[in-house]
Amino acid sequence: MKGLAGPEVPSGWQSANGNRANFCAMTDVVDLRNFYGQRLGVVARRLIGRGIRNQWPDARGQCVLGIGYATPYLGLFREEAERCLAFMPATQGVVKWPTTKPALSALVDENELPLPDSTADRVMLVHALEMTNDPGAMLREVWRVLASGGRLLAVVPNRRGLWARMDTTPFGYGRPYSRSQINQLLRETWFTPTGWSEALYVPPIERGWFLRSAGAWERTGATLSAPFAGVHLVEATKQVYRAIPARRVKRRLVPALEPALAPSPGGAARVRD
């Protein structure tokens, strides 16, 4: 396989179809770029991009940060946002983006982002949470760089969807999430989920009929609230005043001191004699 090597497979993690050996195959940035250049990737980009745009219809004057491999979707905001940045984890590799203009992408440590506190107004996670070894640490770092009142949008594979069960796309690798799992993870890392949607109801089959009918699959799945969508799109806001668990004060019990030997009456007089 060409490109940079992917991350070490964490214990207990595997692709949803049970193929641990190929866990790293689609985490390489070259393979991700190639997927979005194929017909199935073009369809996935259009359908997910539509869901992202519905969540964020206006980003004028905002600083938009993409983490993971978010460049196929950052282009939706590059013309209107004040600034767009693409941070790609070191385990994944980096490609220049945009290709014909000054680079806005960088290779970073996902747990130590090179930004001051409260810098970004919007943060988008794509091919990120399911691939990282420590999703909690990543989200806490996102919390640090997100401005007060900022918004997070995470695109994560649906554990019940067909896309997570087939390793022919990047969404079939890493750790997929159920709705309750991603909700719990966000709350544990000081975010409040505020909006949910799904995308990729069409099966991940690169055949003409399925690709041409992708729009009908999306409309039908959304109307029926079908549980087999390929990805969750969850929006969350930063908890500025996060709850700090109270520490229970431990009481130290000191036993009462009682004399072991009681002096007998007249003992001191006998000693003087």
C-alpha atoms as a PDB file:
ATOM      1  CA  MET A   1       0.000   0.000   0.000  1.00  0.00           C
ATOM      2  CA  LYS A   2       1.283   3.451  -0.856  1.00  0.00           C
ATOM      3  CA  GLY A   3       1.428   6.380   1.529  1.00  0.00           C
ATOM      4  CA  LEU A   4       2.090   6.631   5.223  1.00  0.00           C
ATOM      5  CA  ALA A   5       1.402   3.800   7.617  1.00  0.00           C
ATOM      6  CA  GLY A   6      -1.721   4.000   9.705  1.00  0.00           C
ATOM      7  CA  PRO A   7      -2.000   3.829  13.501  1.00  0.00           C
ATOM      8  CA  GLU A   8      -1.483   0.735  15.560  1.00  0.00           C
ATOM      9  CA  VAL A   9      -4.683  -1.234  16.011  1.00  0.00           C
ATOM     10  CA  PRO A  10      -5.999  -0.622  19.558  1.00  0.00           C
ATOM     11  CA  SER A  11      -6.928  -3.661  21.578  1.00  0.00           C
ATOM     12  CA  GLY A  12     -10.474  -4.771  20.828  1.00  0.00           C
ATOM     13  CA  TRP A  13     -10.882  -2.514  17.784  1.00  0.00           C
ATOM     14  CA  GLN A  14     -11.510  -3.802  14.291  1.00  0.00           C
ATOM     15  CA  SER A  15     -13.441  -3.026  11.196  1.00  0.00           C
ATOM     16  CA  ALA A  16     -17.150  -3.688  11.611  1.00  0.00           C
ATOM     17  CA  ASN A  17     -16.933  -6.724   9.349  1.00  0.00           C
ATOM     18  CA  GLY A  18     -14.350  -8.301  11.676  1.00  0.00           C
ATOM     19  CA  ASN A  19     -11.276  -7.706   9.507  1.00  0.00           C
ATOM     20  CA  ARG A  20      -8.583  -6.524  11.910  1.00  0.00           C
ATOM     21  CA  ALA A  21      -5.735  -6.985   9.437  1.00  0.00           C
ATOM     22  CA  ASN A  22      -7.002  -4.220   7.148  1.00  0.00           C
ATOM     23  CA  PHE A  23      -7.734  -1.709   9.913  1.00  0.00           C
ATOM     24  CA  CYS A  24      -5.037   0.698   8.746  1.00  0.00           C
ATOM     25  CA  ALA A  25      -5.701   0.437   5.014  1.00  0.00           C
ATOM     26  CA  MET A  26      -8.175   3.274   4.730  1.00  0.00           C
ATOM     27  CA  THR A  27      -6.559   5.514   7.362  1.00  0.00           C
ATOM     28  CA  ASP A  28      -3.845   6.457   4.853  1.00  0.00           C
ATOM     29  CA  VAL A  29      -4.447   9.895   3.405  1.00  0.00           C
ATOM     30  CA  VAL A  30      -3.692   8.712  -0.137  1.00  0.00           C
ATOM     31  CA  ASP A  31      -6.386   6.030   0.042  1.00  0.00           C
ATOM     32  CA  LEU A  32      -8.865   8.512   1.478  1.00  0.00           C
ATOM     33  CA  ARG A  33      -8.172  10.921  -1.371  1.00  0.00           C
ATOM     34  CA  ASN A  34      -8.520   8.131  -3.917  1.00  0.00           C
ATOM     35  CA  PHE A  35     -11.850   7.025  -2.433  1.00  0.00           C
ATOM     36  CA  TYR A  36     -13.343  10.489  -2.859  1.00  0.00           C
ATOM     37  CA  GLY A  37     -12.153  10.468  -6.455  1.00  0.00           C
ATOM     38  CA  GLN A  38     -14.204   7.358  -7.264  1.00  0.00           C
ATOM     39  CA  ARG A  39     -17.887   7.343  -8.208  1.00  0.00           C
ATOM     40  CA  LEU A  40     -18.995   5.994  -4.824  1.00  0.00           C
ATOM     41  CA  GLY A  41     -16.879   8.581  -3.042  1.00  0.00           C
ATOM     42  CA  VAL A  42     -18.357  11.385  -5.146  1.00  0.00           C
ATOM     43  CA  VAL A  43     -21.868  10.263  -4.163  1.00  0.00           C
ATOM     44  CA  ALA A  44     -20.885  10.000  -0.480  1.00  0.00           C
ATOM     45  CA  ARG A  45     -19.351  13.468  -0.608  1.00  0.00           C
ATOM     46  CA  ARG A  46     -22.497  14.964  -2.106  1.00  0.00           C
ATOM     47  CA  LEU A  47     -24.890  13.337   0.360  1.00  0.00           C
ATOM     48  CA  ILE A  48     -22.810  14.037   3.472  1.00  0.00           C
ATOM     49  CA  GLY A  49     -22.074  17.557   2.245  1.00  0.00           C
ATOM     50  CA  ARG A  50     -25.803  18.197   1.931  1.00  0.00           C
ATOM     51  CA  GLY A  51     -26.300  17.134   5.544  1.00  0.00           C
ATOM     52  CA  ILE A  52     -23.418  19.314   6.735  1.00  0.00           C
ATOM     53  CA  ARG A  53     -24.785  22.310   4.868  1.00  0.00           C
ATOM     54  CA  ASN A  54     -28.207  21.788   6.429  1.00  0.00           C
ATOM     55  CA  GLN A  55     -26.604  21.870   9.886  1.00  0.00           C
ATOM     56  CA  TRP A  56     -24.408  24.886   9.081  1.00  0.00           C
ATOM     57  CA  PRO A  57     -26.211  26.989   6.473  1.00  0.00           C
ATOM     58  CA  ASP A  58     -24.106  30.082   7.169  1.00  0.00           C
ATOM     59  CA  ALA A  59     -20.455  30.340   8.235  1.00  0.00           C
ATOM     60  CA  ARG A  60     -19.734  33.919   7.187  1.00  0.00           C
ATOM     61  CA  GLY A  61     -17.020  35.536   9.276  1.00  0.00           C
ATOM     62  CA  GLN A  62     -16.287  32.276  11.102  1.00  0.00           C
ATOM     63  CA  CYS A  63     -13.046  30.380  11.604  1.00  0.00           C
ATOM     64  CA  VAL A  64     -13.778  26.805  10.463  1.00  0.00           C
ATOM     65  CA  LEU A  65     -11.383  24.020  11.466  1.00  0.00           C
ATOM     66  CA  GLY A  66     -11.510  20.523   9.989  1.00  0.00           C
ATOM     67  CA  ILE A  67      -9.827  17.616  11.784  1.00  0.00           C
ATOM     68  CA  GLY A  68      -9.209  14.208  10.241  1.00  0.00           C
ATOM     69  CA  TYR A  69      -9.842  14.135   6.506  1.00  0.00           C
ATOM     70  CA  ALA A  70     -12.350  16.954   6.231  1.00  0.00           C
ATOM     71  CA  THR A  71     -11.097  18.616   3.042  1.00  0.00           C
ATOM     72  CA  PRO A  72     -13.883  17.184   0.823  1.00  0.00           C
ATOM     73  CA  TYR A  73     -16.339  19.176   2.960  1.00  0.00           C
ATOM     74  CA  LEU A  74     -14.344  22.251   3.984  1.00  0.00           C
ATOM     75  CA  GLY A  75     -14.744  23.541   0.450  1.00  0.00           C
ATOM     76  CA  LEU A  76     -18.385  24.234   1.283  1.00  0.00           C
ATOM     77  CA  PHE A  77     -17.264  27.113   3.520  1.00  0.00           C
ATOM     78  CA  ARG A  78     -13.952  28.303   2.066  1.00  0.00           C
ATOM     79  CA  GLU A  79     -15.450  31.171   0.067  1.00  0.00           C
ATOM     80  CA  GLU A  80     -17.598  32.573   2.875  1.00  0.00           C
ATOM     81  CA  ALA A  81     -15.705  31.755   6.080  1.00  0.00           C
ATOM     82  CA  GLU A  82     -13.079  34.116   7.415  1.00  0.00           C
ATOM     83  CA  ARG A  83     -10.599  31.251   7.586  1.00  0.00           C
ATOM     84  CA  CYS A  84     -10.619  27.503   6.855  1.00  0.00           C
ATOM     85  CA  LEU A  85      -7.939  25.183   8.231  1.00  0.00           C
ATOM     86  CA  ALA A  86      -7.451  21.451   7.680  1.00  0.00           C
ATOM     87  CA  PHE A  87      -5.589  19.559  10.409  1.00  0.00           C
ATOM     88  CA  MET A  88      -4.658  15.970   9.539  1.00  0.00           C
ATOM     89  CA  PRO A  89      -3.381  13.550  12.227  1.00  0.00           C
ATOM     90  CA  ALA A  90       0.226  12.453  11.957  1.00  0.00           C
ATOM     91  CA  THR A  91      -0.838   8.783  11.859  1.00  0.00           C
ATOM     92  CA  GLN A  92      -2.910   9.476   8.753  1.00  0.00           C
ATOM     93  CA  GLY A  93      -0.605  11.700   6.723  1.00  0.00           C
ATOM     94  CA  VAL A  94      -1.255  15.004   4.997  1.00  0.00           C
ATOM     95  CA  VAL A  95      -1.926  16.251   1.487  1.00  0.00           C
ATOM     96  CA  LYS A  96      -1.811  19.815   0.244  1.00  0.00           C
ATOM     97  CA  TRP A  97      -5.156  21.582   0.349  1.00  0.00           C
ATOM     98  CA  PRO A  98      -6.312  23.439  -1.628  1.00  0.00           C
ATOM     99  CA  THR A  99      -4.245  22.052  -4.481  1.00  0.00           C
ATOM    100  CA  THR A 100      -3.954  25.248  -6.555  1.00  0.00           C
ATOM    101  CA  LYS A 101      -3.764  27.895  -3.815  1.00  0.00           C
ATOM    102  CA  PRO A 102      -1.617  28.543  -0.726  1.00  0.00           C
ATOM    103  CA  ALA A 103      -1.787  25.546   1.600  1.00  0.00           C
ATOM    104  CA  LEU A 104      -4.290  25.567   4.439  1.00  0.00           C
ATOM    105  CA  SER A 105      -3.571  22.025   5.623  1.00  0.00           C
ATOM    106  CA  ALA A 106      -1.090  20.846   8.258  1.00  0.00           C
ATOM    107  CA  LEU A 107       0.139  17.616   9.830  1.00  0.00           C
ATOM    108  CA  VAL A 108      -0.588  17.732  13.566  1.00  0.00           C
ATOM    109  CA  ASP A 109      -0.696  15.761  16.776  1.00  0.00           C
ATOM    110  CA  GLU A 110      -4.431  15.289  17.287  1.00  0.00           C
ATOM    111  CA  ASN A 111      -4.040  15.623  21.070  1.00  0.00           C
ATOM    112  CA  GLU A 112      -1.892  18.791  20.915  1.00  0.00           C
ATOM    113  CA  LEU A 113      -3.353  21.069  18.272  1.00  0.00           C
ATOM    114  CA  PRO A 114      -1.109  24.038  17.346  1.00  0.00           C
ATOM    115  CA  LEU A 115      -3.729  26.657  18.207  1.00  0.00           C
ATOM    116  CA  PRO A 116      -4.304  28.951  21.198  1.00  0.00           C
ATOM    117  CA  ASP A 117      -7.319  28.447  23.419  1.00  0.00           C
ATOM    118  CA  SER A 118     -10.744  29.467  22.082  1.00  0.00           C
ATOM    119  CA  THR A 119      -9.567  30.058  18.503  1.00  0.00           C
ATOM    120  CA  ALA A 120     -12.038  28.230  16.246  1.00  0.00           C
ATOM    121  CA  ASP A 121     -15.721  29.101  15.845  1.00  0.00           C
ATOM    122  CA  ARG A 122     -16.627  25.828  14.122  1.00  0.00           C
ATOM    123  CA  VAL A 123     -14.868  22.450  14.269  1.00  0.00           C
ATOM    124  CA  MET A 124     -15.688  19.606  11.891  1.00  0.00           C
ATOM    125  CA  LEU A 125     -14.558  16.026  12.600  1.00  0.00           C
ATOM    126  CA  VAL A 126     -14.544  13.680   9.593  1.00  0.00           C
ATOM    127  CA  HIS A 127     -12.686  10.333   9.528  1.00  0.00           C
ATOM    128  CA  ALA A 128     -11.378  11.316  12.938  1.00  0.00           C
ATOM    129  CA  LEU A 129     -13.249   9.986  15.981  1.00  0.00           C
ATOM    130  CA  GLU A 130     -13.530   6.441  14.664  1.00  0.00           C
ATOM    131  CA  MET A 131      -9.810   6.322  13.787  1.00  0.00           C
ATOM    132  CA  THR A 132      -8.164   7.811  16.877  1.00  0.00           C
ATOM    133  CA  ASN A 133      -6.790   5.662  19.681  1.00  0.00           C
ATOM    134  CA  ASP A 134      -8.199   8.032  22.307  1.00  0.00           C
ATOM    135  CA  PRO A 135     -11.426   9.785  21.222  1.00  0.00           C
ATOM    136  CA  GLY A 136     -11.861  11.347  24.667  1.00  0.00           C
ATOM    137  CA  ALA A 137      -8.462  13.062  24.503  1.00  0.00           C
ATOM    138  CA  MET A 138      -9.189  14.314  20.994  1.00  0.00           C
ATOM    139  CA  LEU A 139     -12.521  15.827  22.014  1.00  0.00           C
ATOM    140  CA  ARG A 140     -11.019  17.503  25.080  1.00  0.00           C
ATOM    141  CA  GLU A 141      -8.425  19.126  22.834  1.00  0.00           C
ATOM    142  CA  VAL A 142     -11.214  20.243  20.495  1.00  0.00           C
ATOM    143  CA  TRP A 143     -12.970  21.711  23.535  1.00  0.00           C
ATOM    144  CA  ARG A 144      -9.835  23.715  24.322  1.00  0.00           C
ATOM    145  CA  VAL A 145      -9.486  25.343  20.888  1.00  0.00           C
ATOM    146  CA  LEU A 146     -13.226  25.904  20.358  1.00  0.00           C
ATOM    147  CA  ALA A 147     -14.448  29.393  21.175  1.00  0.00           C
ATOM    148  CA  SER A 148     -17.140  30.086  23.723  1.00  0.00           C
ATOM    149  CA  GLY A 149     -20.429  29.411  21.983  1.00  0.00           C
ATOM    150  CA  GLY A 150     -18.588  27.504  19.251  1.00  0.00           C
ATOM    151  CA  ARG A 151     -20.119  24.533  17.469  1.00  0.00           C
ATOM    152  CA  LEU A 152     -18.774  21.066  16.794  1.00  0.00           C
ATOM    153  CA  LEU A 153     -20.007  18.845  13.959  1.00  0.00           C
ATOM    154  CA  ALA A 154     -18.902  15.205  14.011  1.00  0.00           C
ATOM    155  CA  VAL A 155     -19.437  12.800  11.122  1.00  0.00           C
ATOM    156  CA  VAL A 156     -19.110   9.262  12.479  1.00  0.00           C
ATOM    157  CA  PRO A 157     -20.002   5.824  11.064  1.00  0.00           C
ATOM    158  CA  ASN A 158     -23.273   4.360  12.278  1.00  0.00           C
ATOM    159  CA  ARG A 159     -22.774   1.028  14.033  1.00  0.00           C
ATOM    160  CA  ARG A 160     -26.061  -0.277  12.592  1.00  0.00           C
ATOM    161  CA  GLY A 161     -25.438   0.898   9.044  1.00  0.00           C
ATOM    162  CA  LEU A 162     -24.267  -1.061   6.013  1.00  0.00           C
ATOM    163  CA  TRP A 163     -21.327   1.280   5.406  1.00  0.00           C
ATOM    164  CA  ALA A 164     -19.731   0.256   8.711  1.00  0.00           C
ATOM    165  CA  ARG A 165     -20.046  -3.440   7.803  1.00  0.00           C
ATOM    166  CA  MET A 166     -18.202  -3.329   4.483  1.00  0.00           C
ATOM    167  CA  ASP A 167     -14.494  -2.573   4.180  1.00  0.00           C
ATOM    168  CA  THR A 168     -14.727  -1.210   0.637  1.00  0.00           C
ATOM    169  CA  THR A 169     -15.004   2.368   1.965  1.00  0.00           C
ATOM    170  CA  PRO A 170     -13.242   4.326   4.744  1.00  0.00           C
ATOM    171  CA  PHE A 171     -16.405   4.163   6.842  1.00  0.00           C
ATOM    172  CA  GLY A 172     -15.908   0.415   7.282  1.00  0.00           C
ATOM    173  CA  TYR A 173     -12.729   0.901   9.328  1.00  0.00           C
ATOM    174  CA  GLY A 174     -12.129   2.018  12.877  1.00  0.00           C
ATOM    175  CA  ARG A 175     -14.768   2.148  15.563  1.00  0.00           C
ATOM    176  CA  PRO A 176     -18.383   2.873  14.537  1.00  0.00           C
ATOM    177  CA  TYR A 177     -20.769   4.409  17.070  1.00  0.00           C
ATOM    178  CA  SER A 178     -24.392   4.053  17.989  1.00  0.00           C
ATOM    179  CA  ARG A 179     -26.363   7.180  18.723  1.00  0.00           C
ATOM    180  CA  SER A 180     -26.258   6.584  22.472  1.00  0.00           C
ATOM    181  CA  GLN A 181     -22.499   5.949  22.411  1.00  0.00           C
ATOM    182  CA  ILE A 182     -21.620   9.187  20.644  1.00  0.00           C
ATOM    183  CA  ASN A 183     -24.057  11.071  22.886  1.00  0.00           C
ATOM    184  CA  GLN A 184     -22.356   9.703  26.003  1.00  0.00           C
ATOM    185  CA  LEU A 185     -18.874  10.420  24.640  1.00  0.00           C
ATOM    186  CA  LEU A 186     -19.745  14.046  23.901  1.00  0.00           C
ATOM    187  CA  ARG A 187     -21.240  14.612  27.332  1.00  0.00           C
ATOM    188  CA  GLU A 188     -18.216  13.079  29.035  1.00  0.00           C
ATOM    189  CA  THR A 189     -15.942  15.510  27.172  1.00  0.00           C
ATOM    190  CA  TRP A 190     -17.913  18.668  28.047  1.00  0.00           C
ATOM    191  CA  PHE A 191     -20.121  19.026  24.971  1.00  0.00           C
ATOM    192  CA  THR A 192     -23.898  19.250  24.739  1.00  0.00           C
ATOM    193  CA  PRO A 193     -25.435  17.563  21.655  1.00  0.00           C
ATOM    194  CA  THR A 194     -27.918  19.928  19.989  1.00  0.00           C
ATOM    195  CA  GLY A 195     -28.699  18.447  16.578  1.00  0.00           C
ATOM    196  CA  TRP A 196     -28.821  15.056  14.870  1.00  0.00           C
ATOM    197  CA  SER A 197     -29.153  13.893  11.312  1.00  0.00           C
ATOM    198  CA  GLU A 198     -28.096  10.919   9.188  1.00  0.00           C
ATOM    199  CA  ALA A 199     -26.783  10.346   5.685  1.00  0.00           C
ATOM    200  CA  LEU A 200     -25.786   7.526   3.321  1.00  0.00           C
ATOM    201  CA  TYR A 201     -28.927   5.418   3.285  1.00  0.00           C
ATOM    202  CA  VAL A 202     -27.893   4.122  -0.142  1.00  0.00           C
ATOM    203  CA  PRO A 203     -25.945   0.827   0.073  1.00  0.00           C
ATOM    204  CA  PRO A 204     -22.166   1.167  -0.528  1.00  0.00           C
ATOM    205  CA  ILE A 205     -22.302  -0.646  -3.857  1.00  0.00           C
ATOM    206  CA  GLU A 206     -20.504   0.959  -6.786  1.00  0.00           C
ATOM    207  CA  ARG A 207     -22.998   0.055  -9.463  1.00  0.00           C
ATOM    208  CA  GLY A 208     -24.797   2.384 -11.785  1.00  0.00           C
ATOM    209  CA  TRP A 209     -28.350   1.720 -10.597  1.00  0.00           C
ATOM    210  CA  PHE A 210     -27.544   2.214  -6.899  1.00  0.00           C
ATOM    211  CA  LEU A 211     -25.563   5.380  -7.554  1.00  0.00           C
ATOM    212  CA  ARG A 212     -28.228   6.858  -9.811  1.00  0.00           C
ATOM    213  CA  SER A 213     -30.952   6.144  -7.229  1.00  0.00           C
ATOM    214  CA  ALA A 214     -28.963   7.536  -4.276  1.00  0.00           C
ATOM    215  CA  GLY A 215     -31.257  10.543  -3.942  1.00  0.00           C
ATOM    216  CA  ALA A 216     -34.330   8.322  -3.685  1.00  0.00           C
ATOM    217  CA  TRP A 217     -32.626   6.179  -1.045  1.00  0.00           C
ATOM    218  CA  GLU A 218     -31.862   9.301   1.007  1.00  0.00           C
ATOM    219  CA  ARG A 219     -35.380  10.685   0.810  1.00  0.00           C
ATOM    220  CA  THR A 220     -36.972   7.359   1.702  1.00  0.00           C
ATOM    221  CA  GLY A 221     -34.593   6.662   4.574  1.00  0.00           C
ATOM    222  CA  ALA A 222     -35.023  10.133   6.047  1.00  0.00           C
ATOM    223  CA  THR A 223     -38.817   9.960   5.732  1.00  0.00           C
ATOM    224  CA  LEU A 224     -38.995   6.583   7.469  1.00  0.00           C
ATOM    225  CA  SER A 225     -36.269   7.461  10.014  1.00  0.00           C
ATOM    226  CA  ALA A 226     -34.612   4.192   9.017  1.00  0.00           C
ATOM    227  CA  PRO A 227     -31.880   3.013  11.433  1.00  0.00           C
ATOM    228  CA  PHE A 228     -29.448   1.786   8.751  1.00  0.00           C
ATOM    229  CA  ALA A 229     -27.962   5.134   7.623  1.00  0.00           C
ATOM    230  CA  GLY A 230     -24.236   5.011   6.959  1.00  0.00           C
ATOM    231  CA  VAL A 231     -23.191   7.936   9.153  1.00  0.00           C
ATOM    232  CA  HIS A 232     -24.392  10.093  12.016  1.00  0.00           C
ATOM    233  CA  LEU A 233     -24.024  13.857  11.773  1.00  0.00           C
ATOM    234  CA  VAL A 234     -24.164  15.222  15.299  1.00  0.00           C
ATOM    235  CA  GLU A 235     -23.811  18.875  16.230  1.00  0.00           C
ATOM    236  CA  ALA A 236     -22.775  19.895  19.752  1.00  0.00           C
ATOM    237  CA  THR A 237     -21.968  23.070  21.629  1.00  0.00           C
ATOM    238  CA  LYS A 238     -19.191  23.689  24.098  1.00  0.00           C
ATOM    239  CA  GLN A 239     -20.093  23.625  27.786  1.00  0.00           C
ATOM    240  CA  VAL A 240     -18.368  26.749  29.051  1.00  0.00           C
ATOM    241  CA  TYR A 241     -19.278  26.069  32.672  1.00  0.00           C
ATOM    242  CA  ARG A 242     -18.751  22.367  32.837  1.00  0.00           C
ATOM    243  CA  ALA A 243     -19.700  20.438  35.927  1.00  0.00           C
ATOM    244  CA  ILE A 244     -16.843  19.556  38.262  1.00  0.00           C
ATOM    245  CA  PRO A 245     -17.538  16.521  40.421  1.00  0.00           C
ATOM    246  CA  ALA A 246     -17.415  17.368  44.106  1.00  0.00           C
ATOM    247  CA  ARG A 247     -14.795  15.591  46.141  1.00  0.00           C
ATOM    248  CA  ARG A 248     -15.918  13.887  49.263  1.00  0.00           C
ATOM    249  CA  VAL A 249     -13.948  15.019  52.269  1.00  0.00           C
ATOM    250  CA  LYS A 250     -12.592  12.092  54.170  1.00  0.00           C
ATOM    251  CA  ARG A 251     -12.839  12.372  57.921  1.00  0.00           C
ATOM    252  CA  ARG A 252      -9.922  11.206  59.925  1.00  0.00           C
ATOM    253  CA  LEU A 253     -11.033   9.449  63.044  1.00  0.00           C
ATOM    254  CA  VAL A 254      -8.688   9.925  66.008  1.00  0.00           C
ATOM    255  CA  PRO A 255      -9.230   7.414  68.815  1.00  0.00           C
ATOM    256  CA  ALA A 256      -9.666   8.806  72.309  1.00  0.00           C
ATOM    257  CA  LEU A 257      -6.509   8.470  74.384  1.00  0.00           C
ATOM    258  CA  GLU A 258      -7.062   6.511  77.560  1.00  0.00           C
ATOM    259  CA  PRO A 259      -4.283   5.753  80.048  1.00  0.00           C
ATOM    260  CA  ALA A 260      -3.257   2.127  79.989  1.00  0.00           C
ATOM    261  CA  LEU A 261      -2.073   2.174  83.641  1.00  0.00           C
ATOM    262  CA  ALA A 262      -3.748   4.152  86.391  1.00  0.00           C
ATOM    263  CA  PRO A 263      -1.497   5.246  89.274  1.00  0.00           C
ATOM    264  CA  SER A 264      -2.401   3.711  92.625  1.00  0.00           C
ATOM    265  CA  PRO A 265      -3.135   6.000  95.571  1.00  0.00           C
ATOM    266  CA  GLY A 266      -0.101   6.577  97.767  1.00  0.00           C
ATOM    267  CA  GLY A 267       2.375   5.238  95.249  1.00  0.00           C
ATOM    268  CA  ALA A 268       4.368   8.470  95.117  1.00  0.00           C
ATOM    269  CA  ALA A 269       4.736   8.567  98.915  1.00  0.00           C
ATOM    270  CA  ARG A 270       6.217   5.052  99.011  1.00  0.00           C
ATOM    271  CA  VAL A 271       8.802   6.011  96.375  1.00  0.00           C
ATOM    272  CA  ARG A 272       9.986   8.979  98.537  1.00  0.00           C
ATOM    273  CA  ASP A 273      10.333   6.717 101.537  1.00  0.00           C
END
